[in-house]
Amino acid sequence: MGKSKSWIFILIISVLLLIATVLLLRQPLLDFVVRKAKEKFKEKFDVDLKIKDAGFTGIRDIYFSDVSLVPSNGDTLFTVKNVYARINVSKLLRLKVGFRELVIDTSHLSLVKRETSDNFSFLKRREKNQDADSIQHVNTSDYSERFMSVLEKINDIFNEKITFRQFKVSYQRGTVNEYVNIPELFFDGSIFQSSVITASKEGVNLWIVNGTADAANSTYDFHVKRTRGESFALPLWIWWMGLKFVLTRRM
């Protein structure tokens, strides 16, 4: 009986020591990851990743504040006021990055094109390089594996709770000023709800997006309804695809 109590005591002490070690090392580890991320953005894209503060709240909640991406000699591409994430412990034990819950508050992706420069071309160059690499292997690629890989990523996203508040994507070129604004997007693990505002020279439109998602069974059902506006364009396509779709609702 005495030996059993000793083993229980040793086990409890070991667990407490492990927890204490994790708590002591987690901030230095997070600082290391942030530093490596900044170095990678600078090396690959010549973009400065700035994070004012990063840390932990509670046992497994991470926060980031005042995050921005600023290309060299260019306008700020992306800003976000606050990011909160709850770590998925089961994935972490398998050495994978994953979250149980993600909250992104007040973020803005700003695409700016000037006469001789812009702040987003490095994204298109990266995409072209990837396309060129994939063409070399097009005859030997397994498309079913690609599809399953994409589906797995989608399932990973919809396997967590997601909240966006005040997310905006804007495009500015001369007198052209377009944007997509998402006042709030909410997904609780099964039900998806969002409102979307699109604006371009064709007009301002309000959209309601509702749906359900079952990541475990890869089953998704989404519905999009326009509730306000007459004619509309799909903003931002002109800078990426070189074209624009304009539709007019017939009354």
Protein backbone atom coordinates (compact mmCIF):
# COMPACT_ATOMS: atom_id res chain seq x y z
CA MET A 1 0.00 0.00 0.00
CA GLY A 2 2.87 2.30 0.89
CA LYS A 3 4.59 1.62 -2.45
CA SER A 4 1.41 2.45 -4.36
CA LYS A 5 1.13 5.80 -2.60
CA SER A 6 4.79 6.52 -3.40
CA TRP A 7 4.25 5.83 -7.11
CA ILE A 8 1.15 8.04 -7.16
CA PHE A 9 3.09 10.82 -5.44
CA ILE A 10 5.98 10.49 -7.93
CA LEU A 11 3.53 10.55 -10.85
CA ILE A 12 1.82 13.70 -9.56
CA ILE A 13 5.18 15.44 -9.02
CA SER A 14 6.32 14.42 -12.53
CA VAL A 15 3.16 15.81 -14.12
CA LEU A 16 3.48 19.07 -12.16
CA LEU A 17 7.13 19.40 -13.19
CA LEU A 18 6.20 18.79 -16.84
CA ILE A 19 3.47 21.44 -16.71
CA ALA A 20 5.83 23.90 -15.01
CA THR A 21 8.50 23.26 -17.66
CA VAL A 22 6.02 23.84 -20.49
CA LEU A 23 4.80 27.06 -18.86
CA LEU A 24 8.37 28.30 -18.42
CA LEU A 25 9.48 27.47 -21.97
CA ARG A 26 6.38 28.38 -23.96
CA GLN A 27 7.06 32.14 -24.17
CA PRO A 28 10.71 31.72 -25.30
CA LEU A 29 9.50 29.12 -27.82
CA LEU A 30 6.81 31.48 -29.15
CA ASP A 31 9.36 34.30 -29.40
CA PHE A 32 11.63 31.96 -31.40
CA VAL A 33 8.80 31.02 -33.79
CA VAL A 34 7.89 34.70 -34.31
CA ARG A 35 11.52 35.59 -35.00
CA LYS A 36 11.88 32.77 -37.55
CA ALA A 37 8.63 33.83 -39.25
CA LYS A 38 9.93 37.40 -39.60
CA GLU A 39 13.18 36.11 -41.09
CA LYS A 40 11.33 33.88 -43.56
CA PHE A 41 9.05 36.68 -44.80
CA LYS A 42 12.04 38.95 -45.27
CA GLU A 43 14.11 36.32 -47.05
CA LYS A 44 11.39 34.93 -49.37
CA PHE A 45 9.31 38.03 -50.12
CA ASP A 46 11.36 41.04 -48.94
CA VAL A 47 8.45 41.87 -46.65
CA ASP A 48 8.68 43.08 -43.06
CA LEU A 49 6.46 41.15 -40.65
CA LYS A 50 5.80 43.32 -37.61
CA ILE A 51 4.20 42.07 -34.40
CA LYS A 52 3.93 44.49 -31.49
CA ASP A 53 3.16 41.84 -28.89
CA ALA A 54 2.72 38.05 -28.72
CA GLY A 55 2.08 35.92 -25.69
CA PHE A 56 -0.20 33.57 -23.79
CA THR A 57 -3.39 34.00 -21.81
CA GLY A 58 -4.35 31.01 -19.72
CA ILE A 59 -2.89 27.58 -20.37
CA ARG A 60 -3.28 27.22 -24.16
CA ASP A 61 -4.51 30.55 -25.55
CA ILE A 62 -2.14 32.58 -27.75
CA TYR A 63 -2.59 36.22 -28.68
CA PHE A 64 -0.95 38.55 -31.20
CA SER A 65 -1.53 42.31 -31.34
CA ASP A 66 -0.83 44.96 -33.97
CA VAL A 67 0.38 42.64 -36.72
CA SER A 68 1.35 44.06 -40.12
CA LEU A 69 3.02 43.10 -43.40
CA VAL A 70 4.98 45.90 -45.08
CA PRO A 71 6.73 45.25 -48.43
CA SER A 72 10.07 46.99 -48.97
CA ASN A 73 9.49 50.47 -50.42
CA GLY A 74 5.76 49.79 -50.62
CA ASP A 75 2.45 50.55 -48.92
CA THR A 76 1.39 48.41 -45.98
CA LEU A 77 -0.21 45.26 -47.36
CA PHE A 78 -1.91 43.79 -44.31
CA THR A 79 -2.79 44.86 -40.77
CA VAL A 80 -4.65 43.12 -37.96
CA LYS A 81 -5.37 44.59 -34.54
CA ASN A 82 -5.79 41.41 -32.52
CA VAL A 83 -5.54 37.66 -33.09
CA TYR A 84 -6.55 35.07 -30.49
CA ALA A 85 -6.04 31.35 -30.93
CA ARG A 86 -6.71 28.34 -28.74
CA ILE A 87 -4.16 25.59 -29.36
CA ASN A 88 -5.29 22.13 -30.41
CA VAL A 89 -3.33 20.01 -27.94
CA SER A 90 -3.93 16.70 -29.74
CA LYS A 91 -2.40 18.10 -32.95
CA LEU A 92 0.46 19.65 -31.01
CA LEU A 93 1.33 16.26 -29.56
CA ARG A 94 1.63 15.02 -33.19
CA LEU A 95 3.94 17.99 -33.92
CA LYS A 96 1.30 19.71 -36.07
CA VAL A 97 0.07 23.29 -35.77
CA GLY A 98 -3.66 23.49 -35.15
CA PHE A 99 -6.25 25.49 -33.25
CA ARG A 100 -9.53 24.79 -31.52
CA GLU A 101 -10.67 28.38 -31.90
CA LEU A 102 -9.48 31.37 -33.92
CA VAL A 103 -10.60 34.99 -33.49
CA ILE A 104 -9.34 37.75 -35.81
CA ASP A 105 -10.38 41.28 -34.86
CA THR A 106 -10.13 44.34 -37.15
CA SER A 107 -8.00 43.30 -40.11
CA HIS A 108 -7.37 44.94 -43.48
CA LEU A 109 -5.76 43.60 -46.65
CA SER A 110 -4.91 46.70 -48.68
CA LEU A 111 -3.91 46.23 -52.35
CA VAL A 112 -2.43 49.42 -53.77
CA LYS A 113 -1.23 49.90 -57.35
CA ARG A 114 0.63 53.04 -58.31
CA GLU A 115 2.02 54.13 -61.69
CA THR A 116 5.35 52.34 -61.33
CA SER A 117 4.89 50.05 -58.34
CA ASP A 118 2.46 48.18 -56.13
CA ASN A 119 2.47 46.29 -52.85
CA PHE A 120 1.26 42.87 -54.02
CA SER A 121 3.18 41.75 -57.14
CA PHE A 122 5.36 39.43 -55.10
CA LEU A 123 2.26 37.30 -54.47
CA LYS A 124 1.65 36.89 -58.20
CA ARG A 125 5.32 36.13 -58.88
CA ARG A 126 5.18 33.42 -56.24
CA GLU A 127 2.07 31.92 -57.85
CA LYS A 128 3.65 31.92 -61.34
CA ASN A 129 6.76 30.17 -60.03
CA GLN A 130 4.60 27.49 -58.43
CA ASP A 131 2.63 27.06 -61.68
CA ALA A 132 5.86 26.71 -63.68
CA ASP A 133 7.11 24.05 -61.30
CA SER A 134 3.83 22.14 -61.46
CA ILE A 135 3.81 22.13 -65.31
CA GLN A 136 6.99 20.09 -65.33
CA HIS A 137 5.25 17.33 -63.40
CA VAL A 138 1.76 17.58 -64.89
CA ASN A 139 1.93 14.17 -66.56
CA THR A 140 2.93 12.33 -63.42
CA SER A 141 0.79 14.14 -60.87
CA ASP A 142 -1.83 12.24 -58.98
CA TYR A 143 -4.88 14.51 -59.10
CA SER A 144 -6.79 12.44 -56.56
CA GLU A 145 -3.98 13.00 -54.06
CA ARG A 146 -4.07 16.73 -54.77
CA PHE A 147 -7.82 16.82 -54.26
CA MET A 148 -7.53 14.92 -50.98
CA SER A 149 -4.78 17.26 -49.84
CA VAL A 150 -6.94 20.32 -50.54
CA LEU A 151 -9.93 18.68 -48.89
CA GLU A 152 -7.83 17.87 -45.83
CA LYS A 153 -6.83 21.53 -45.51
CA ILE A 154 -10.47 22.62 -45.84
CA ASN A 155 -11.46 20.09 -43.18
CA ASP A 156 -8.73 21.41 -40.90
CA ILE A 157 -10.08 24.95 -41.25
CA PHE A 158 -13.66 23.92 -40.55
CA ASN A 159 -12.61 21.72 -37.67
CA GLU A 160 -12.25 24.78 -35.45
CA LYS A 161 -14.37 27.68 -34.29
CA ILE A 162 -13.73 30.81 -36.34
CA THR A 163 -14.69 34.43 -35.74
CA PHE A 164 -13.78 37.39 -37.95
CA ARG A 165 -14.74 40.91 -36.91
CA GLN A 166 -14.34 43.83 -39.31
CA PHE A 167 -12.31 42.12 -42.04
CA LYS A 168 -11.75 44.26 -45.12
CA VAL A 169 -10.04 43.71 -48.48
CA SER A 170 -9.55 46.85 -50.58
CA TYR A 171 -8.05 47.61 -53.98
CA GLN A 172 -6.85 51.07 -55.01
CA ARG A 173 -5.53 52.07 -58.43
CA GLY A 174 -5.70 55.73 -59.42
CA THR A 175 -9.35 56.73 -59.14
CA VAL A 176 -10.47 53.09 -58.82
CA ASN A 177 -11.37 52.17 -55.26
CA GLU A 178 -13.05 48.83 -54.54
CA TYR A 179 -13.50 46.79 -51.41
CA VAL A 180 -15.02 43.71 -49.82
CA ASN A 181 -16.01 44.24 -46.21
CA ILE A 182 -17.00 41.46 -43.81
CA PRO A 183 -18.43 43.05 -40.65
CA GLU A 184 -18.62 39.66 -38.96
CA LEU A 185 -18.05 36.03 -39.85
CA PHE A 186 -18.95 33.33 -37.36
CA PHE A 187 -18.51 29.57 -37.43
CA ASP A 188 -19.18 27.56 -34.27
CA GLY A 189 -17.96 24.22 -35.59
CA SER A 190 -21.14 23.35 -37.48
CA ILE A 191 -23.09 26.52 -38.42
CA PHE A 192 -21.60 29.24 -40.63
CA GLN A 193 -22.98 32.81 -40.69
CA SER A 194 -21.61 35.93 -42.36
CA SER A 195 -22.59 39.20 -43.99
CA VAL A 196 -20.52 40.62 -46.84
CA ILE A 197 -20.51 44.12 -48.35
CA THR A 198 -19.00 44.59 -51.83
CA ALA A 199 -18.40 48.02 -53.33
CA SER A 200 -17.12 49.17 -56.73
CA LYS A 201 -18.07 51.79 -59.30
CA GLU A 202 -20.97 49.48 -60.30
CA GLY A 203 -22.55 49.88 -56.87
CA VAL A 204 -22.71 48.70 -53.28
CA ASN A 205 -24.20 45.31 -52.46
CA LEU A 206 -25.01 43.43 -49.29
CA TRP A 207 -24.77 39.64 -49.20
CA ILE A 208 -25.80 37.10 -46.58
CA VAL A 209 -23.90 33.83 -46.45
CA ASN A 210 -25.25 30.96 -44.35
CA GLY A 211 -24.45 27.29 -44.22
CA THR A 212 -23.42 24.21 -42.34
CA ALA A 213 -20.16 22.30 -42.27
CA ASP A 214 -19.33 18.83 -41.04
CA ALA A 215 -15.56 18.50 -41.32
CA ALA A 216 -15.54 14.97 -39.92
CA ASN A 217 -17.61 13.77 -42.91
CA SER A 218 -16.36 16.38 -45.43
CA THR A 219 -19.93 17.64 -45.92
CA TYR A 220 -20.57 21.33 -46.68
CA ASP A 221 -23.73 23.23 -47.57
CA PHE A 222 -23.59 27.00 -48.14
CA HIS A 223 -26.15 29.50 -49.41
CA VAL A 224 -25.46 33.02 -50.71
CA LYS A 225 -28.21 35.65 -50.98
CA ARG A 226 -27.97 39.24 -52.13
CA THR A 227 -30.29 41.45 -50.09
CA ARG A 228 -29.37 44.91 -51.36
CA GLY A 229 -28.00 46.41 -54.58
CA GLU A 230 -28.69 46.44 -58.29
CA SER A 231 -25.64 45.91 -60.49
CA PHE A 232 -22.41 44.61 -59.06
CA ALA A 233 -18.93 43.49 -59.95
CA LEU A 234 -16.64 40.96 -58.38
CA PRO A 235 -14.15 43.45 -56.96
CA LEU A 236 -10.40 42.87 -57.01
CA TRP A 237 -10.46 40.44 -59.96
CA ILE A 238 -9.11 43.12 -62.24
CA TRP A 239 -5.76 43.26 -60.46
CA TRP A 240 -5.34 39.49 -60.19
CA MET A 241 -6.96 38.04 -63.30
CA GLY A 242 -7.01 41.09 -65.56
CA LEU A 243 -10.79 40.89 -65.96
CA LYS A 244 -14.00 41.77 -64.21
CA PHE A 245 -17.46 40.26 -64.10
CA VAL A 246 -20.35 42.73 -64.00
CA LEU A 247 -23.88 41.50 -63.47
CA THR A 248 -27.13 43.42 -63.37
CA ARG A 249 -30.20 42.20 -61.56
CA ARG A 250 -33.30 42.34 -63.70
CA MET A 251 -36.41 43.51 -61.89
